[in-house]
Amino acid sequence: MTPQPRGIIPPGDLDRLLRAQALVKEAQAVFELAVTQALEAGGSVREVHESTGLSATTMQKYGHANGWPSPARRAHLDADKIATAEFSARLDAVERILRSLGEA
């Protein structure tokens, strides 16, 4: 094989390189969708991590980019946050009452 001048990629190699790059992008998109679907199907972040080695941050990035959690799941999570906040407020009120009784 004759040496190529510096900086020039032979046309056949360039075509193969660009096709491979397109395949990598497509595979990445499929992988990100698969991660999202695993999370939507009920897989925990920990389970997906143990199966793929992905970090929690990367999984969440992929999931959020593809609509995870679903609007219904998001509403459920928001309702849980509200219920937890209400319960915490009630506990704080009880603690204040108990402290005031102890001080009386």
Protein backbone atom coordinates (compact mmCIF):
# COMPACT_ATOMS: atom_id res chain seq x y z
CA MET A 1 0.00 0.00 0.00
CA THR A 2 1.43 3.36 -0.98
CA PRO A 3 1.65 6.03 1.68
CA GLN A 4 -0.98 8.73 1.49
CA PRO A 5 -0.17 12.41 1.66
CA ARG A 6 -0.64 13.80 5.14
CA GLY A 7 -4.19 14.96 5.91
CA ILE A 8 -5.96 13.18 3.05
CA ILE A 9 -8.38 10.35 3.76
CA PRO A 10 -8.88 8.08 0.76
CA PRO A 11 -12.47 8.32 -0.55
CA GLY A 12 -13.31 4.67 0.20
CA ASP A 13 -12.05 4.99 3.76
CA LEU A 14 -13.92 8.27 4.24
CA ASP A 15 -17.17 6.66 3.09
CA ARG A 16 -16.67 3.73 5.46
CA LEU A 17 -15.81 6.11 8.30
CA LEU A 18 -18.94 8.21 7.77
CA ARG A 19 -21.19 5.11 7.52
CA ALA A 20 -19.70 3.77 10.77
CA GLN A 21 -20.28 7.14 12.44
CA ALA A 22 -23.93 7.09 11.38
CA LEU A 23 -24.31 3.56 12.75
CA VAL A 24 -22.79 4.60 16.09
CA LYS A 25 -25.26 7.50 16.35
CA GLU A 26 -28.16 5.20 15.52
CA ALA A 27 -27.00 2.59 18.03
CA GLN A 28 -26.66 5.28 20.71
CA ALA A 29 -30.22 6.48 20.06
CA VAL A 30 -31.53 2.90 20.27
CA PHE A 31 -29.60 2.34 23.51
CA GLU A 32 -30.98 5.52 25.08
CA LEU A 33 -34.52 4.49 24.17
CA ALA A 34 -33.94 1.03 25.61
CA VAL A 35 -32.77 2.56 28.90
CA THR A 36 -35.86 4.78 28.97
CA GLN A 37 -38.16 1.84 28.26
CA ALA A 38 -36.53 -0.20 31.01
CA LEU A 39 -37.16 2.64 33.47
CA GLU A 40 -40.74 3.13 32.25
CA ALA A 41 -41.39 -0.61 32.61
CA GLY A 42 -40.61 -0.31 36.30
CA GLY A 43 -36.92 -1.06 36.38
CA SER A 44 -35.16 0.84 39.12
CA VAL A 45 -32.17 3.04 38.47
CA ARG A 46 -30.11 0.59 40.53
CA GLU A 47 -31.24 -2.41 38.45
CA VAL A 48 -30.45 -0.65 35.18
CA HIS A 49 -27.06 0.39 36.59
CA GLU A 50 -26.23 -3.18 37.58
CA SER A 51 -27.24 -4.42 34.12
CA THR A 52 -25.49 -1.76 32.05
CA GLY A 53 -22.92 -0.05 34.26
CA LEU A 54 -24.42 3.35 33.46
CA SER A 55 -24.35 6.00 36.16
CA ALA A 56 -27.61 7.22 37.65
CA THR A 57 -26.99 10.67 36.18
CA THR A 58 -26.58 9.28 32.67
CA MET A 59 -29.71 7.14 32.98
CA GLN A 60 -31.73 10.08 34.18
CA LYS A 61 -30.37 12.20 31.32
CA TYR A 62 -31.40 9.55 28.79
CA GLY A 63 -34.77 9.02 30.45
CA HIS A 64 -35.66 12.69 30.76
CA ALA A 65 -34.68 13.30 27.12
CA ASN A 66 -37.17 10.60 26.10
CA GLY A 67 -40.14 11.52 28.30
CA TRP A 68 -39.45 9.58 31.50
CA PRO A 69 -41.14 9.65 33.90
CA SER A 70 -44.46 9.69 32.10
CA PRO A 71 -46.94 12.46 32.91
CA ALA A 72 -49.05 10.00 34.92
CA ARG A 73 -46.02 8.84 36.91
CA ARG A 74 -44.91 12.45 37.42
CA ALA A 75 -48.36 13.32 38.80
CA HIS A 76 -48.13 10.36 41.18
CA LEU A 77 -44.65 11.43 42.35
CA ASP A 78 -45.85 15.01 42.85
CA ALA A 79 -48.82 13.77 44.89
CA ASP A 80 -46.44 11.73 47.06
CA LYS A 81 -44.26 14.81 47.63
CA ILE A 82 -47.30 16.84 48.69
CA ALA A 83 -48.48 14.10 51.06
CA THR A 84 -45.00 13.82 52.58
CA ALA A 85 -44.77 17.59 53.04
CA GLU A 86 -48.20 17.67 54.72
CA PHE A 87 -47.23 14.82 57.03
CA SER A 88 -43.95 16.55 57.93
CA ALA A 89 -45.82 19.76 58.72
CA ARG A 90 -48.17 17.87 61.02
CA LEU A 91 -45.24 16.21 62.79
CA ASP A 92 -43.56 19.59 63.26
CA ALA A 93 -46.78 20.96 64.77
CA VAL A 94 -47.01 18.04 67.19
CA GLU A 95 -43.35 18.50 68.20
CA ARG A 96 -43.96 22.20 68.88
CA ILE A 97 -47.01 21.35 71.02
CA LEU A 98 -45.06 18.73 72.96
CA ARG A 99 -42.19 21.15 73.55
CA SER A 100 -44.59 23.84 74.76
CA LEU A 101 -46.27 21.38 77.15
CA GLY A 102 -42.90 20.33 78.49
CA GLU A 103 -41.92 23.92 79.12
CA ALA A 104 -45.21 24.89 80.84
